[in-house]
Amino acid sequence: MKKIVDLGKIEELLNSNVSAYAISKDTNLTRAVINRYRTGETKIENMTIRVALKLQEFYDKNYIKQTISYDSGEMITELKEDIASFGDFECWAWIKKIDGVKIYTNYDFKDGATQLTKDEVKTAHENGEQFEILKAKHLLELLEKQNEIF
């Protein structure tokens, strides 16, 4: 079987947040070897084919980057209606980070009378979500950009 080394995959893996320990455990390469490539002490171009194939196999098996997609259509429609009714108000924006990418998942009005409840905050944190305070029109721009990926 013909095997082709893809240096792009190997570079992406080495530049990722995947720990040297995780790579080492699966590939039987030492963490020192992995770290020498990561720091540039050893050039990737000088990597042996055996090492390259192990890293590429790890990438293919565990680290295939997928497109993150989140359909924001309904939230965009609702936010446009709220902007038409209430103007460019401040809002709480729920954010979930997936592979380092911010995904806006919800919003709520932020005014003197409306504050996030302890239960909302607790549930959000349990779901790995955070909050930002944004102007509604800015959030709309972010949601529309986010929805383009979908």
N, C-alpha and C. Protein backbone atom coordinates (compact mmCIF):
# COMPACT_ATOMS: atom_id res chain seq x y z
N MET A 1 0.83 -1.17 0.00
CA MET A 1 0.00 0.00 0.00
C MET A 1 0.89 1.25 0.00
N LYS A 2 0.58 2.19 -0.87
CA LYS A 2 1.35 3.41 -1.01
C LYS A 2 0.93 4.40 0.08
N LYS A 3 1.91 4.93 0.82
CA LYS A 3 1.64 5.90 1.86
C LYS A 3 2.28 7.23 1.47
N ILE A 4 1.54 8.29 1.67
CA ILE A 4 2.01 9.62 1.35
C ILE A 4 2.07 10.44 2.64
N VAL A 5 3.18 11.10 2.87
CA VAL A 5 3.33 11.94 4.05
C VAL A 5 2.77 13.32 3.74
N ASP A 6 1.89 13.80 4.62
CA ASP A 6 1.29 15.12 4.47
C ASP A 6 1.85 16.02 5.57
N LEU A 7 2.84 16.83 5.21
CA LEU A 7 3.47 17.70 6.21
C LEU A 7 2.50 18.72 6.78
N GLY A 8 1.48 19.09 6.02
CA GLY A 8 0.47 20.03 6.52
C GLY A 8 -0.24 19.47 7.74
N LYS A 9 -0.63 18.21 7.68
CA LYS A 9 -1.29 17.57 8.82
C LYS A 9 -0.35 17.52 10.02
N ILE A 10 0.89 17.16 9.76
CA ILE A 10 1.86 17.03 10.85
C ILE A 10 2.11 18.39 11.50
N GLU A 11 2.27 19.43 10.68
CA GLU A 11 2.48 20.77 11.23
C GLU A 11 1.26 21.22 12.03
N GLU A 12 0.06 20.94 11.52
CA GLU A 12 -1.16 21.32 12.26
C GLU A 12 -1.21 20.62 13.60
N LEU A 13 -0.88 19.35 13.63
CA LEU A 13 -0.87 18.60 14.89
C LEU A 13 0.17 19.18 15.84
N LEU A 14 1.37 19.42 15.35
CA LEU A 14 2.43 19.93 16.21
C LEU A 14 2.14 21.35 16.71
N ASN A 15 1.39 22.12 15.95
CA ASN A 15 1.02 23.48 16.37
C ASN A 15 -0.26 23.53 17.18
N SER A 16 -0.88 22.40 17.39
CA SER A 16 -2.16 22.34 18.09
C SER A 16 -1.95 22.34 19.61
N ASN A 17 -3.07 22.32 20.32
CA ASN A 17 -3.04 22.24 21.79
C ASN A 17 -3.02 20.80 22.29
N VAL A 18 -2.94 19.83 21.39
CA VAL A 18 -2.88 18.43 21.80
C VAL A 18 -1.55 18.24 22.53
N SER A 19 -1.62 17.68 23.71
CA SER A 19 -0.41 17.58 24.54
C SER A 19 0.59 16.58 23.95
N ALA A 20 1.85 16.85 24.23
CA ALA A 20 2.91 15.92 23.81
C ALA A 20 2.68 14.56 24.47
N TYR A 21 2.16 14.58 25.69
CA TYR A 21 1.86 13.32 26.39
C TYR A 21 0.84 12.49 25.61
N ALA A 22 -0.25 13.13 25.15
CA ALA A 22 -1.29 12.40 24.41
C ALA A 22 -0.73 11.83 23.11
N ILE A 23 0.07 12.62 22.42
CA ILE A 23 0.65 12.15 21.17
C ILE A 23 1.62 11.01 21.45
N SER A 24 2.44 11.19 22.48
CA SER A 24 3.44 10.19 22.85
C SER A 24 2.80 8.86 23.22
N LYS A 25 1.75 8.94 24.01
CA LYS A 25 1.06 7.73 24.49
C LYS A 25 0.54 6.89 23.32
N ASP A 26 0.03 7.56 22.31
CA ASP A 26 -0.59 6.86 21.17
C ASP A 26 0.42 6.43 20.11
N THR A 27 1.52 7.18 19.95
CA THR A 27 2.46 6.91 18.87
C THR A 27 3.72 6.18 19.31
N ASN A 28 3.96 6.10 20.61
CA ASN A 28 5.19 5.55 21.18
C ASN A 28 6.41 6.38 20.85
N LEU A 29 6.21 7.63 20.44
CA LEU A 29 7.32 8.56 20.29
C LEU A 29 7.51 9.23 21.64
N THR A 30 8.74 9.60 21.96
CA THR A 30 8.96 10.24 23.25
C THR A 30 8.46 11.69 23.19
N ARG A 31 8.10 12.20 24.35
CA ARG A 31 7.67 13.60 24.44
C ARG A 31 8.82 14.52 24.03
N ALA A 32 10.04 14.11 24.33
CA ALA A 32 11.21 14.93 23.97
C ALA A 32 11.29 15.08 22.44
N VAL A 33 11.08 14.01 21.72
CA VAL A 33 11.11 14.07 20.25
C VAL A 33 10.03 15.00 19.74
N ILE A 34 8.82 14.84 20.27
CA ILE A 34 7.69 15.68 19.84
C ILE A 34 7.99 17.15 20.14
N ASN A 35 8.51 17.43 21.33
CA ASN A 35 8.81 18.81 21.72
C ASN A 35 9.94 19.42 20.90
N ARG A 36 10.90 18.61 20.47
CA ARG A 36 11.99 19.14 19.62
C ARG A 36 11.43 19.62 18.28
N TYR A 37 10.45 18.90 17.74
CA TYR A 37 9.81 19.36 16.50
C TYR A 37 8.96 20.60 16.77
N ARG A 38 8.28 20.62 17.90
CA ARG A 38 7.42 21.76 18.22
C ARG A 38 8.22 23.05 18.41
N THR A 39 9.36 22.95 19.02
CA THR A 39 10.18 24.15 19.29
C THR A 39 11.04 24.54 18.09
N GLY A 40 11.15 23.65 17.12
CA GLY A 40 11.98 23.93 15.95
C GLY A 40 13.42 23.51 16.15
N GLU A 41 13.71 22.91 17.31
CA GLU A 41 15.07 22.43 17.55
C GLU A 41 15.45 21.41 16.47
N THR A 42 14.50 20.57 16.10
CA THR A 42 14.66 19.64 14.98
C THR A 42 13.67 20.06 13.90
N LYS A 43 14.17 20.24 12.71
CA LYS A 43 13.33 20.69 11.59
C LYS A 43 12.40 19.56 11.15
N ILE A 44 11.15 19.93 10.86
CA ILE A 44 10.16 18.95 10.40
C ILE A 44 10.65 18.29 9.11
N GLU A 45 11.34 19.06 8.27
CA GLU A 45 11.83 18.53 6.99
C GLU A 45 12.85 17.41 7.18
N ASN A 46 13.47 17.34 8.36
CA ASN A 46 14.45 16.30 8.65
C ASN A 46 13.86 15.11 9.39
N MET A 47 12.54 15.12 9.56
CA MET A 47 11.84 14.04 10.25
C MET A 47 11.96 12.74 9.45
N THR A 48 12.15 11.64 10.16
CA THR A 48 12.17 10.36 9.44
C THR A 48 10.77 10.01 8.96
N ILE A 49 10.69 9.22 7.95
CA ILE A 49 9.39 8.81 7.41
C ILE A 49 8.62 8.04 8.47
N ARG A 50 9.31 7.22 9.25
CA ARG A 50 8.65 6.45 10.32
C ARG A 50 7.95 7.39 11.31
N VAL A 51 8.64 8.43 11.76
CA VAL A 51 8.07 9.39 12.70
C VAL A 51 6.93 10.14 12.04
N ALA A 52 7.14 10.58 10.81
CA ALA A 52 6.11 11.32 10.09
C ALA A 52 4.84 10.50 9.95
N LEU A 53 4.97 9.25 9.60
CA LEU A 53 3.78 8.41 9.42
C LEU A 53 3.06 8.18 10.74
N LYS A 54 3.81 8.05 11.84
CA LYS A 54 3.17 7.89 13.15
C LYS A 54 2.38 9.13 13.53
N LEU A 55 2.96 10.30 13.31
CA LEU A 55 2.26 11.55 13.64
C LEU A 55 1.05 11.75 12.74
N GLN A 56 1.20 11.44 11.47
CA GLN A 56 0.08 11.59 10.54
C GLN A 56 -1.04 10.61 10.88
N GLU A 57 -0.68 9.41 11.25
CA GLU A 57 -1.70 8.42 11.65
C GLU A 57 -2.45 8.90 12.89
N PHE A 58 -1.72 9.48 13.86
CA PHE A 58 -2.36 10.03 15.05
C PHE A 58 -3.33 11.14 14.64
N TYR A 59 -2.88 12.03 13.77
CA TYR A 59 -3.73 13.12 13.30
C TYR A 59 -5.00 12.57 12.65
N ASP A 60 -4.82 11.63 11.74
CA ASP A 60 -5.97 11.08 11.01
C ASP A 60 -6.95 10.38 11.95
N LYS A 61 -6.44 9.74 12.96
CA LYS A 61 -7.28 8.97 13.88
C LYS A 61 -7.95 9.85 14.94
N ASN A 62 -7.24 10.87 15.42
CA ASN A 62 -7.70 11.61 16.58
C ASN A 62 -7.95 13.09 16.38
N TYR A 63 -7.37 13.66 15.37
CA TYR A 63 -7.34 15.10 15.33
C TYR A 63 -7.79 15.66 13.98
N ILE A 64 -8.64 14.99 13.30
CA ILE A 64 -9.13 15.52 12.04
C ILE A 64 -9.99 16.73 12.36
N LYS A 65 -9.55 17.88 11.87
CA LYS A 65 -10.25 19.12 12.16
C LYS A 65 -11.56 19.13 11.39
N GLN A 66 -12.63 19.36 12.09
CA GLN A 66 -13.93 19.40 11.47
C GLN A 66 -14.43 20.83 11.45
N THR A 67 -15.24 21.13 10.45
CA THR A 67 -15.86 22.44 10.39
C THR A 67 -16.89 22.53 11.50
N ILE A 68 -16.82 23.60 12.25
CA ILE A 68 -17.78 23.81 13.32
C ILE A 68 -18.95 24.57 12.72
N SER A 69 -20.13 24.05 12.92
CA SER A 69 -21.30 24.66 12.33
C SER A 69 -22.38 24.81 13.37
N TYR A 70 -23.03 25.96 13.34
CA TYR A 70 -24.11 26.21 14.29
C TYR A 70 -25.15 27.05 13.57
N ASP A 71 -26.33 26.52 13.41
CA ASP A 71 -27.40 27.23 12.71
C ASP A 71 -27.97 28.31 13.62
N SER A 72 -27.74 29.56 13.25
CA SER A 72 -28.19 30.70 14.05
C SER A 72 -29.42 31.36 13.46
N GLY A 73 -30.04 30.76 12.46
CA GLY A 73 -31.14 31.38 11.73
C GLY A 73 -32.28 31.88 12.60
N GLU A 74 -32.77 31.05 13.49
CA GLU A 74 -33.89 31.45 14.35
C GLU A 74 -33.49 32.59 15.29
N MET A 75 -32.28 32.50 15.83
CA MET A 75 -31.82 33.54 16.75
C MET A 75 -31.64 34.87 15.99
N ILE A 76 -31.16 34.82 14.76
CA ILE A 76 -31.01 36.02 13.95
C ILE A 76 -32.36 36.68 13.71
N THR A 77 -33.34 35.88 13.34
CA THR A 77 -34.69 36.41 13.10
C THR A 77 -35.24 37.08 14.36
N GLU A 78 -35.11 36.40 15.50
CA GLU A 78 -35.61 36.94 16.77
C GLU A 78 -34.87 38.22 17.15
N LEU A 79 -33.56 38.24 16.96
CA LEU A 79 -32.77 39.41 17.32
C LEU A 79 -33.13 40.60 16.42
N LYS A 80 -33.35 40.36 15.14
CA LYS A 80 -33.77 41.45 14.24
C LYS A 80 -35.10 42.05 14.69
N GLU A 81 -36.04 41.19 15.11
CA GLU A 81 -37.33 41.67 15.61
C GLU A 81 -37.15 42.51 16.88
N ASP A 82 -36.27 42.04 17.78
CA ASP A 82 -36.02 42.78 19.02
C ASP A 82 -35.35 44.13 18.73
N ILE A 83 -34.44 44.16 17.78
CA ILE A 83 -33.78 45.42 17.42
C ILE A 83 -34.79 46.39 16.83
N ALA A 84 -35.68 45.88 15.98
CA ALA A 84 -36.72 46.73 15.38
C ALA A 84 -37.62 47.31 16.46
N SER A 85 -37.89 46.55 17.50
CA SER A 85 -38.78 47.00 18.58
C SER A 85 -38.08 47.86 19.63
N PHE A 86 -36.84 47.52 19.97
CA PHE A 86 -36.19 48.14 21.12
C PHE A 86 -34.91 48.89 20.79
N GLY A 87 -34.49 48.90 19.54
CA GLY A 87 -33.27 49.60 19.16
C GLY A 87 -32.03 48.77 19.46
N ASP A 88 -30.88 49.43 19.48
CA ASP A 88 -29.60 48.76 19.68
C ASP A 88 -29.31 48.61 21.18
N PHE A 89 -30.01 47.71 21.82
CA PHE A 89 -29.92 47.51 23.26
C PHE A 89 -28.68 46.68 23.64
N GLU A 90 -28.29 46.77 24.91
CA GLU A 90 -27.23 45.90 25.43
C GLU A 90 -27.84 44.56 25.77
N CYS A 91 -27.05 43.50 25.51
CA CYS A 91 -27.57 42.17 25.82
C CYS A 91 -26.45 41.28 26.34
N TRP A 92 -26.90 40.26 27.06
CA TRP A 92 -26.00 39.19 27.48
C TRP A 92 -25.93 38.22 26.31
N ALA A 93 -24.73 37.84 25.89
CA ALA A 93 -24.56 36.85 24.83
C ALA A 93 -23.93 35.60 25.43
N TRP A 94 -24.59 34.46 25.20
CA TRP A 94 -24.05 33.19 25.66
C TRP A 94 -23.02 32.73 24.63
N ILE A 95 -21.86 32.29 25.11
CA ILE A 95 -20.78 31.85 24.24
C ILE A 95 -20.32 30.47 24.65
N LYS A 96 -20.15 29.63 23.66
CA LYS A 96 -19.56 28.33 23.89
C LYS A 96 -18.31 28.26 23.03
N LYS A 97 -17.20 27.89 23.61
CA LYS A 97 -15.97 27.75 22.83
C LYS A 97 -15.81 26.29 22.41
N ILE A 98 -15.66 26.10 21.12
CA ILE A 98 -15.44 24.76 20.57
C ILE A 98 -14.16 24.82 19.77
N ASP A 99 -13.16 24.05 20.17
CA ASP A 99 -11.85 24.08 19.52
C ASP A 99 -11.32 25.50 19.39
N GLY A 100 -11.55 26.31 20.42
CA GLY A 100 -11.06 27.67 20.43
C GLY A 100 -11.87 28.67 19.62
N VAL A 101 -12.97 28.23 19.05
CA VAL A 101 -13.83 29.10 18.25
C VAL A 101 -15.04 29.48 19.08
N LYS A 102 -15.34 30.80 19.13
CA LYS A 102 -16.52 31.26 19.86
C LYS A 102 -17.77 31.00 19.04
N ILE A 103 -18.74 30.36 19.67
CA ILE A 103 -20.04 30.13 19.06
C ILE A 103 -21.07 30.83 19.95
N TYR A 104 -21.83 31.75 19.37
CA TYR A 104 -22.87 32.46 20.12
C TYR A 104 -24.12 31.62 20.08
N THR A 105 -24.63 31.25 21.26
CA THR A 105 -25.73 30.28 21.33
C THR A 105 -27.04 30.86 21.83
N ASN A 106 -27.01 32.04 22.47
CA ASN A 106 -28.24 32.60 23.03
C ASN A 106 -27.97 34.06 23.40
N TYR A 107 -29.03 34.79 23.69
CA TYR A 107 -28.87 36.15 24.19
C TYR A 107 -30.07 36.49 25.06
N ASP A 108 -29.91 37.55 25.86
CA ASP A 108 -31.00 38.06 26.67
C ASP A 108 -30.75 39.54 26.90
N PHE A 109 -31.81 40.28 27.10
CA PHE A 109 -31.70 41.71 27.35
C PHE A 109 -30.88 41.96 28.61
N LYS A 110 -30.08 43.00 28.58
CA LYS A 110 -29.37 43.43 29.78
C LYS A 110 -29.82 44.85 30.08
N ASP A 111 -30.59 45.00 31.10
CA ASP A 111 -30.99 46.32 31.55
C ASP A 111 -31.02 46.29 33.07
N GLY A 112 -31.32 47.38 33.67
CA GLY A 112 -31.32 47.45 35.13
C GLY A 112 -32.23 46.44 35.79
N ALA A 113 -33.36 46.11 35.15
CA ALA A 113 -34.34 45.20 35.75
C ALA A 113 -34.03 43.74 35.45
N THR A 114 -33.35 43.47 34.35
CA THR A 114 -33.11 42.10 33.93
C THR A 114 -31.66 41.71 34.19
N GLN A 115 -31.46 40.81 35.10
CA GLN A 115 -30.13 40.28 35.38
C GLN A 115 -30.18 38.77 35.21
N LEU A 116 -29.04 38.19 34.93
CA LEU A 116 -28.98 36.74 34.82
C LEU A 116 -29.20 36.14 36.20
N THR A 117 -29.99 35.08 36.25
CA THR A 117 -30.23 34.42 37.52
C THR A 117 -29.05 33.51 37.85
N LYS A 118 -28.95 33.15 39.10
CA LYS A 118 -27.89 32.23 39.51
C LYS A 118 -28.04 30.89 38.79
N ASP A 119 -29.28 30.45 38.57
CA ASP A 119 -29.51 29.19 37.86
C ASP A 119 -29.05 29.28 36.41
N GLU A 120 -29.32 30.42 35.75
CA GLU A 120 -28.87 30.60 34.37
C GLU A 120 -27.34 30.54 34.29
N VAL A 121 -26.69 31.22 35.20
CA VAL A 121 -25.24 31.25 35.22
C VAL A 121 -24.69 29.85 35.50
N LYS A 122 -25.27 29.18 36.49
CA LYS A 122 -24.82 27.83 36.85
C LYS A 122 -25.00 26.87 35.68
N THR A 123 -26.16 26.89 35.05
CA THR A 123 -26.43 26.00 33.91
C THR A 123 -25.48 26.29 32.76
N ALA A 124 -25.26 27.57 32.49
CA ALA A 124 -24.35 27.95 31.41
C ALA A 124 -22.95 27.42 31.68
N HIS A 125 -22.46 27.60 32.88
CA HIS A 125 -21.11 27.13 33.22
C HIS A 125 -21.03 25.62 33.15
N GLU A 126 -22.06 24.93 33.56
CA GLU A 126 -22.08 23.46 33.47
C GLU A 126 -22.03 23.01 32.02
N ASN A 127 -22.60 23.82 31.11
CA ASN A 127 -22.59 23.51 29.68
C ASN A 127 -21.35 24.05 28.98
N GLY A 128 -20.41 24.58 29.75
CA GLY A 128 -19.18 25.12 29.18
C GLY A 128 -19.38 26.45 28.49
N GLU A 129 -20.42 27.19 28.89
CA GLU A 129 -20.71 28.48 28.27
C GLU A 129 -20.25 29.62 29.16
N GLN A 130 -19.99 30.75 28.50
CA GLN A 130 -19.61 31.98 29.18
C GLN A 130 -20.54 33.07 28.68
N PHE A 131 -20.33 34.29 29.18
CA PHE A 131 -21.16 35.42 28.79
C PHE A 131 -20.30 36.59 28.34
N GLU A 132 -20.85 37.37 27.42
CA GLU A 132 -20.28 38.65 27.02
C GLU A 132 -21.42 39.65 26.99
N ILE A 133 -21.11 40.90 27.25
CA ILE A 133 -22.10 41.95 27.10
C ILE A 133 -21.81 42.64 25.77
N LEU A 134 -22.80 42.64 24.88
CA LEU A 134 -22.65 43.21 23.55
C LEU A 134 -23.84 44.09 23.21
N LYS A 135 -23.65 45.00 22.28
CA LYS A 135 -24.77 45.73 21.71
C LYS A 135 -25.46 44.78 20.73
N ALA A 136 -26.76 44.88 20.64
CA ALA A 136 -27.56 43.95 19.83
C ALA A 136 -27.12 43.93 18.36
N LYS A 137 -26.85 45.10 17.79
CA LYS A 137 -26.45 45.14 16.37
C LYS A 137 -25.11 44.45 16.14
N HIS A 138 -24.21 44.58 17.11
CA HIS A 138 -22.92 43.89 16.99
C HIS A 138 -23.11 42.37 17.08
N LEU A 139 -23.94 41.95 18.01
CA LEU A 139 -24.23 40.53 18.12
C LEU A 139 -24.86 40.02 16.83
N LEU A 140 -25.75 40.80 16.24
CA LEU A 140 -26.39 40.41 14.98
C LEU A 140 -25.33 40.19 13.89
N GLU A 141 -24.35 41.09 13.80
CA GLU A 141 -23.27 40.93 12.82
C GLU A 141 -22.50 39.63 13.07
N LEU A 142 -22.20 39.36 14.33
CA LEU A 142 -21.47 38.14 14.68
C LEU A 142 -22.28 36.88 14.35
N LEU A 143 -23.57 36.93 14.64
CA LEU A 143 -24.42 35.78 14.34
C LEU A 143 -24.54 35.53 12.84
N GLU A 144 -24.66 36.62 12.08
CA GLU A 144 -24.76 36.46 10.63
C GLU A 144 -23.47 35.89 10.05
N LYS A 145 -22.34 36.33 10.56
CA LYS A 145 -21.06 35.77 10.13
C LYS A 145 -20.95 34.30 10.54
N GLN A 146 -21.36 34.02 11.76
CA GLN A 146 -21.34 32.65 12.27
C GLN A 146 -22.23 31.75 11.41
N ASN A 147 -23.36 32.26 10.98
CA ASN A 147 -24.32 31.48 10.22
C ASN A 147 -23.86 31.23 8.78
N GLU A 148 -22.93 32.06 8.26
CA GLU A 148 -22.40 31.86 6.90
C GLU A 148 -21.72 30.51 6.78
N ILE A 149 -21.10 30.06 7.85
CA ILE A 149 -20.39 28.77 7.85
C ILE A 149 -21.38 27.64 7.66
N PHE A 150 -22.56 27.80 8.23
CA PHE A 150 -23.58 26.76 8.16
C PHE A 150 -24.04 26.61 6.73
